[in-house]
């Protein structure tokens, strides 16, 4: 269980870093568990479901989500944020955890959470995430849907997750292509993740493979180096460097 016992504010590049106190988190967990509506959703609705508090911390998950995380005791996930629970490679880059690094401003899941809490409306986004285990990493794509709810004057988020990795990859097979030059400038927040598999600023399925494929083919198959430069004046140029042998 991850709580915030510190009074100072952690540095964040996007979402608030503050967490619930131990007492507050325990109250929220009890409140969610005692709600017939919440319990009914967790038990009867299919797919991966979590309930988050106003600090984006997990206070309840369904059995499917627990199996996906590989845990037998749901208490292991309590107080964690989504990226921390699934071991996103960016979740520990800042002391504030998931949602606070320079990479998180383009994360579909965090955007959906923050927007949902701010607008009190349902928000859906696609999230490309690279998760890690002891010896490897894995790229997955999730459709994330956030539904704000209120219980006893306390704000929560219902989080519905759908793994669309296979669907995304199949759609991408028809869309892989390579550009050498593009007149558009790539902002810093996008540039940081430009070569990450499945990451895209566009909502359509099958996106997020082009630049990843470029780097994979150029470096793993051709043994070269793929890089790019971008500026508002000159647009964006991708370069493949290959050693003469």
Foldseek 3Di string as FASTA:
>chain_A
DDADPDDDFFAFPFDGLHGHHPVRLVVVLVQLVPDPVNVCCLPPPDAWKFKAFPNQATSDTHPVNCVVLVHDDCVVRGRDHPCVSQAFVCQPVTVSGPCGDLQNVQAFQSVQSVVCVVVQAKDKAKGWTWHDDDPDIDIWIKIWIWHWDDDPNTIMIMIGIDTCRVVLQVLQVVPADDDFFDLAFDDPNCQVCLLPAPRDPDGDRNPRCHNVVVQCCLCVVQVWGWDWDGDNVRGIGIDTGHDDD
